[in-house]
Amino acid sequence: MKIAGFGFRQSASATDLRAALALTGCPTPDALASITAKATAPQMQQLAAEMNLPVIALTETEISGVATPTHSDRIQTRFGTGSLAEACALTAAHKGQTGATVHLLAPRVKTDNGLATAAIAERTTP
């Protein structure tokens, strides 16, 4: 199962999220994920509806402390993890799956306008 994790600014559009997803090289994940405030945002809901995918909403507590290969000082200070997109992808891929192996297929990528980031995590079960 492949999960696309997202981070984005409030001014981002569904088009920005789609562009970030395309930059990951995995345009057809099995689900989308972000923290609750972003998972319920209109642009995320629009993308999910267009792609007919579920959205996994995560709490800030669930992603705090998740080790990520890329790092943003701003995100580290705000959320306690280096990358919102990577932490959401990894956490959502592992959520509720005891014994599952999770890894990043695509680390955080950022749109040219800087409004959205995305990362892809994959879950495999033993």
C-alpha atoms as a PDB file:
ATOM      1  CA  MET A   1       0.000   0.000   0.000  1.00  0.00           C
ATOM      2  CA  LYS A   2       1.308   3.454  -0.954  1.00  0.00           C
ATOM      3  CA  ILE A   3       0.374   6.532   1.049  1.00  0.00           C
ATOM      4  CA  ALA A   4       0.946  10.118  -0.098  1.00  0.00           C
ATOM      5  CA  GLY A   5       1.676  12.454   2.791  1.00  0.00           C
ATOM      6  CA  PHE A   6       1.147  16.189   2.313  1.00  0.00           C
ATOM      7  CA  GLY A   7       2.132  19.460   3.859  1.00  0.00           C
ATOM      8  CA  PHE A   8       0.854  22.687   2.387  1.00  0.00           C
ATOM      9  CA  ARG A   9       0.182  26.317   3.057  1.00  0.00           C
ATOM     10  CA  GLN A  10      -3.369  27.555   3.453  1.00  0.00           C
ATOM     11  CA  SER A  11      -3.138  29.380   0.113  1.00  0.00           C
ATOM     12  CA  ALA A  12      -2.286  26.156  -1.769  1.00  0.00           C
ATOM     13  CA  SER A  13      -4.836  24.842  -4.251  1.00  0.00           C
ATOM     14  CA  ALA A  14      -5.785  21.308  -5.218  1.00  0.00           C
ATOM     15  CA  THR A  15      -3.700  21.958  -8.343  1.00  0.00           C
ATOM     16  CA  ASP A  16      -0.674  22.624  -6.105  1.00  0.00           C
ATOM     17  CA  LEU A  17      -1.267  19.369  -4.236  1.00  0.00           C
ATOM     18  CA  ARG A  18      -1.604  17.489  -7.519  1.00  0.00           C
ATOM     19  CA  ALA A  19       1.661  19.056  -8.733  1.00  0.00           C
ATOM     20  CA  ALA A  20       3.458  17.989  -5.552  1.00  0.00           C
ATOM     21  CA  LEU A  21       2.115  14.463  -5.945  1.00  0.00           C
ATOM     22  CA  ALA A  22       3.305  14.345  -9.559  1.00  0.00           C
ATOM     23  CA  LEU A  23       6.807  15.365  -8.437  1.00  0.00           C
ATOM     24  CA  THR A  24       7.005  12.256  -6.232  1.00  0.00           C
ATOM     25  CA  GLY A  25       6.879  10.017  -9.299  1.00  0.00           C
ATOM     26  CA  CYS A  26       3.943   8.113  -7.792  1.00  0.00           C
ATOM     27  CA  PRO A  27       0.823   9.798  -9.154  1.00  0.00           C
ATOM     28  CA  THR A  28      -1.558   7.018  -8.056  1.00  0.00           C
ATOM     29  CA  PRO A  29      -1.232   6.260  -4.329  1.00  0.00           C
ATOM     30  CA  ASP A  30      -3.775   4.212  -2.399  1.00  0.00           C
ATOM     31  CA  ALA A  31      -4.568   6.992   0.097  1.00  0.00           C
ATOM     32  CA  LEU A  32      -3.705  10.569   1.029  1.00  0.00           C
ATOM     33  CA  ALA A  33      -2.650  11.713   4.501  1.00  0.00           C
ATOM     34  CA  SER A  34      -1.942  14.835   6.519  1.00  0.00           C
ATOM     35  CA  ILE A  35      -2.633  16.304   9.924  1.00  0.00           C
ATOM     36  CA  THR A  36      -6.322  16.793  10.691  1.00  0.00           C
ATOM     37  CA  ALA A  37      -6.436  20.518   9.873  1.00  0.00           C
ATOM     38  CA  LYS A  38      -4.954  19.889   6.431  1.00  0.00           C
ATOM     39  CA  ALA A  39      -6.712  16.567   5.807  1.00  0.00           C
ATOM     40  CA  THR A  40     -10.074  18.288   6.180  1.00  0.00           C
ATOM     41  CA  ALA A  41      -9.085  21.378   4.161  1.00  0.00           C
ATOM     42  CA  PRO A  42     -11.085  21.977   0.969  1.00  0.00           C
ATOM     43  CA  GLN A  43      -8.101  21.543  -1.357  1.00  0.00           C
ATOM     44  CA  MET A  44      -7.223  18.135   0.140  1.00  0.00           C
ATOM     45  CA  GLN A  45     -10.843  17.020   0.037  1.00  0.00           C
ATOM     46  CA  GLN A  46     -11.092  18.164  -3.587  1.00  0.00           C
ATOM     47  CA  LEU A  47      -7.991  16.191  -4.587  1.00  0.00           C
ATOM     48  CA  ALA A  48      -9.250  13.103  -2.754  1.00  0.00           C
ATOM     49  CA  ALA A  49     -12.634  13.351  -4.481  1.00  0.00           C
ATOM     50  CA  GLU A  50     -11.039  13.793  -7.912  1.00  0.00           C
ATOM     51  CA  MET A  51      -8.798  10.757  -7.321  1.00  0.00           C
ATOM     52  CA  ASN A  52     -11.484   8.746  -5.493  1.00  0.00           C
ATOM     53  CA  LEU A  53      -9.091   8.135  -2.586  1.00  0.00           C
ATOM     54  CA  PRO A  54      -9.533   8.101   1.185  1.00  0.00           C
ATOM     55  CA  VAL A  55      -7.873  10.746   3.334  1.00  0.00           C
ATOM     56  CA  ILE A  56      -6.165   9.672   6.542  1.00  0.00           C
ATOM     57  CA  ALA A  57      -6.261  12.415   9.178  1.00  0.00           C
ATOM     58  CA  LEU A  58      -3.491  12.314  11.764  1.00  0.00           C
ATOM     59  CA  THR A  59      -3.072  14.201  14.999  1.00  0.00           C
ATOM     60  CA  GLU A  60      -0.051  16.381  15.605  1.00  0.00           C
ATOM     61  CA  THR A  61       0.811  14.073  18.505  1.00  0.00           C
ATOM     62  CA  GLU A  62       0.947  11.068  16.158  1.00  0.00           C
ATOM     63  CA  ILE A  63       3.576  12.676  13.918  1.00  0.00           C
ATOM     64  CA  SER A  64       5.619  14.418  16.611  1.00  0.00           C
ATOM     65  CA  GLY A  65       9.026  12.781  16.951  1.00  0.00           C
ATOM     66  CA  VAL A  66       8.838  10.851  13.663  1.00  0.00           C
ATOM     67  CA  ALA A  67      12.337  10.719  12.165  1.00  0.00           C
ATOM     68  CA  THR A  68      12.450  11.955   8.576  1.00  0.00           C
ATOM     69  CA  PRO A  69      15.304  12.056   6.056  1.00  0.00           C
ATOM     70  CA  THR A  70      14.662  15.691   5.124  1.00  0.00           C
ATOM     71  CA  HIS A  71      14.415  18.586   7.537  1.00  0.00           C
ATOM     72  CA  SER A  72      12.734  21.977   7.731  1.00  0.00           C
ATOM     73  CA  ASP A  73      13.529  24.065  10.808  1.00  0.00           C
ATOM     74  CA  ARG A  74      10.085  25.668  10.609  1.00  0.00           C
ATOM     75  CA  ILE A  75       8.316  22.287  10.548  1.00  0.00           C
ATOM     76  CA  GLN A  76      10.561  20.903  13.292  1.00  0.00           C
ATOM     77  CA  THR A  77       9.664  23.821  15.560  1.00  0.00           C
ATOM     78  CA  ARG A  78       5.944  23.680  14.754  1.00  0.00           C
ATOM     79  CA  PHE A  79       5.283  19.927  14.603  1.00  0.00           C
ATOM     80  CA  GLY A  80       8.254  18.178  16.243  1.00  0.00           C
ATOM     81  CA  THR A  81       9.308  16.397  13.051  1.00  0.00           C
ATOM     82  CA  GLY A  82      11.582  17.355  10.166  1.00  0.00           C
ATOM     83  CA  SER A  83       9.034  16.998   7.362  1.00  0.00           C
ATOM     84  CA  LEU A  84       5.273  17.119   7.640  1.00  0.00           C
ATOM     85  CA  ALA A  85       4.790  15.277   4.336  1.00  0.00           C
ATOM     86  CA  GLU A  86       7.216  12.474   5.211  1.00  0.00           C
ATOM     87  CA  ALA A  87       5.985  12.093   8.790  1.00  0.00           C
ATOM     88  CA  CYS A  88       2.367  11.910   7.629  1.00  0.00           C
ATOM     89  CA  ALA A  89       3.135   9.394   4.890  1.00  0.00           C
ATOM     90  CA  LEU A  90       5.136   7.154   7.244  1.00  0.00           C
ATOM     91  CA  THR A  91       2.682   7.395  10.139  1.00  0.00           C
ATOM     92  CA  ALA A  92      -0.384   6.767   7.987  1.00  0.00           C
ATOM     93  CA  ALA A  93       1.260   3.808   6.244  1.00  0.00           C
ATOM     94  CA  HIS A  94       2.039   2.222   9.592  1.00  0.00           C
ATOM     95  CA  LYS A  95      -1.203   3.133  11.376  1.00  0.00           C
ATOM     96  CA  GLY A  96      -3.076   0.111  12.683  1.00  0.00           C
ATOM     97  CA  GLN A  97      -0.704  -2.372  11.054  1.00  0.00           C
ATOM     98  CA  THR A  98       1.222  -4.248  13.727  1.00  0.00           C
ATOM     99  CA  GLY A  99       4.270  -5.936  12.270  1.00  0.00           C
ATOM    100  CA  ALA A 100       4.167  -3.977   9.026  1.00  0.00           C
ATOM    101  CA  THR A 101       7.320  -2.667   7.399  1.00  0.00           C
ATOM    102  CA  VAL A 102       7.158   0.921   6.211  1.00  0.00           C
ATOM    103  CA  HIS A 103       9.666   2.887   4.142  1.00  0.00           C
ATOM    104  CA  LEU A 104       9.750   6.038   2.059  1.00  0.00           C
ATOM    105  CA  LEU A 105       9.558   5.485  -1.669  1.00  0.00           C
ATOM    106  CA  ALA A 106       9.856   9.198  -2.369  1.00  0.00           C
ATOM    107  CA  PRO A 107      11.173  11.706   0.147  1.00  0.00           C
ATOM    108  CA  ARG A 108       9.643  15.155   0.405  1.00  0.00           C
ATOM    109  CA  VAL A 109       9.352  17.133  -2.803  1.00  0.00           C
ATOM    110  CA  LYS A 110       8.269  20.755  -2.996  1.00  0.00           C
ATOM    111  CA  THR A 111       6.316  22.549  -5.702  1.00  0.00           C
ATOM    112  CA  ASP A 112       8.098  25.341  -7.554  1.00  0.00           C
ATOM    113  CA  ASN A 113       5.884  27.925  -5.867  1.00  0.00           C
ATOM    114  CA  GLY A 114       6.673  26.461  -2.424  1.00  0.00           C
ATOM    115  CA  LEU A 115       3.020  26.034  -1.471  1.00  0.00           C
ATOM    116  CA  ALA A 116       2.879  22.239  -1.197  1.00  0.00           C
ATOM    117  CA  THR A 117       5.080  19.282  -0.303  1.00  0.00           C
ATOM    118  CA  ALA A 118       4.429  15.581  -0.775  1.00  0.00           C
ATOM    119  CA  ALA A 119       6.152  12.306   0.054  1.00  0.00           C
ATOM    120  CA  ILE A 120       5.265   8.667  -0.572  1.00  0.00           C
ATOM    121  CA  ALA A 121       5.552   5.849   1.960  1.00  0.00           C
ATOM    122  CA  GLU A 122       4.952   2.192   1.237  1.00  0.00           C
ATOM    123  CA  ARG A 123       3.742  -0.446   3.644  1.00  0.00           C
ATOM    124  CA  THR A 124       4.536  -4.105   3.224  1.00  0.00           C
ATOM    125  CA  THR A 125       3.244  -6.768   5.573  1.00  0.00           C
ATOM    126  CA  PRO A 126       5.226  -9.805   6.651  1.00  0.00           C
END
